[in-house]
Amino acid sequence: RPPNAFMLYRSHMLKSRGNADPEKRQQNLSRIAGQLWRAMSKEDRAVWHKKAAEVQAAHCAKYPGYKF
């Protein structure tokens, strides 16, 4: 199943932070990512929605009969 825009953003956020954040619990990391996501402008979120559409198109090309 291809990731949605928020999941792509969350993954990018965690990779970009590296070891800067001592928090290791996924629940708290997801909460922080959600707060940052909601604080983003629509234009910034549109970038992630575009990336998600690209990932979905690649997934559809690789697995043409896939259904969730």
Protein backbone atom coordinates (compact mmCIF):
# COMPACT_ATOMS: atom_id res chain seq x y z
CA ARG A 1 0.00 0.00 0.00
CA PRO A 2 1.52 3.34 -0.96
CA PRO A 3 1.94 5.92 1.81
CA ASN A 4 -0.25 9.00 1.92
CA ALA A 5 1.03 12.60 2.06
CA PHE A 6 1.22 12.71 5.86
CA MET A 7 3.10 9.41 6.08
CA LEU A 8 5.66 10.66 3.56
CA TYR A 9 6.03 13.90 5.54
CA ARG A 10 6.38 12.03 8.84
CA SER A 11 9.04 9.74 7.41
CA HIS A 12 10.96 12.72 5.99
CA MET A 13 10.66 14.60 9.28
CA LEU A 14 12.06 11.70 11.29
CA LYS A 15 14.97 11.19 8.89
CA SER A 16 15.82 14.88 8.78
CA ARG A 17 15.82 15.24 12.56
CA GLY A 18 18.29 12.39 13.00
CA ASN A 19 19.38 12.13 16.60
CA ALA A 20 18.52 15.76 17.41
CA ASP A 21 15.38 14.67 19.24
CA PRO A 22 15.94 12.42 22.28
CA GLU A 23 12.31 11.20 22.03
CA LYS A 24 12.21 7.62 20.72
CA ARG A 25 8.58 6.60 21.27
CA GLN A 26 6.68 6.42 18.00
CA GLN A 27 3.49 7.64 19.63
CA ASN A 28 5.08 10.92 20.67
CA LEU A 29 6.94 11.32 17.39
CA SER A 30 3.66 10.90 15.51
CA ARG A 31 1.99 13.46 17.76
CA ILE A 32 4.75 15.98 17.06
CA ALA A 33 4.58 15.27 13.33
CA GLY A 34 0.81 15.78 13.41
CA GLN A 35 1.18 19.14 15.13
CA LEU A 36 3.75 20.28 12.58
CA TRP A 37 1.56 19.00 9.72
CA ARG A 38 -1.47 20.94 10.93
CA ALA A 39 0.64 24.08 11.34
CA MET A 40 1.84 23.90 7.70
CA SER A 41 0.40 26.14 5.03
CA LYS A 42 -1.75 24.62 2.28
CA GLU A 43 1.03 25.31 -0.23
CA ASP A 44 3.56 23.34 1.83
CA ARG A 45 1.13 20.46 2.24
CA ALA A 46 0.43 20.50 -1.51
CA VAL A 47 4.06 19.54 -2.10
CA TRP A 48 3.57 16.40 -0.01
CA HIS A 49 0.26 15.61 -1.70
CA LYS A 50 2.03 15.84 -5.07
CA LYS A 51 4.76 13.46 -3.85
CA ALA A 52 2.10 11.04 -2.58
CA ALA A 53 0.38 11.09 -5.98
CA GLU A 54 3.72 10.29 -7.65
CA VAL A 55 4.35 7.41 -5.25
CA GLN A 56 0.83 6.12 -5.84
CA ALA A 57 1.29 6.28 -9.63
CA ALA A 58 4.54 4.32 -9.35
CA HIS A 59 2.81 1.78 -7.12
CA CYS A 60 -0.06 1.40 -9.61
CA ALA A 61 2.43 0.85 -12.42
CA LYS A 62 4.29 -1.79 -10.43
CA TYR A 63 1.17 -3.55 -9.11
CA PRO A 64 -1.60 -2.93 -11.68
CA GLY A 65 -4.29 -5.10 -10.06
CA TYR A 66 -3.67 -4.06 -6.45
CA LYS A 67 -6.71 -3.28 -4.30
CA PHE A 68 -6.77 -2.34 -0.65
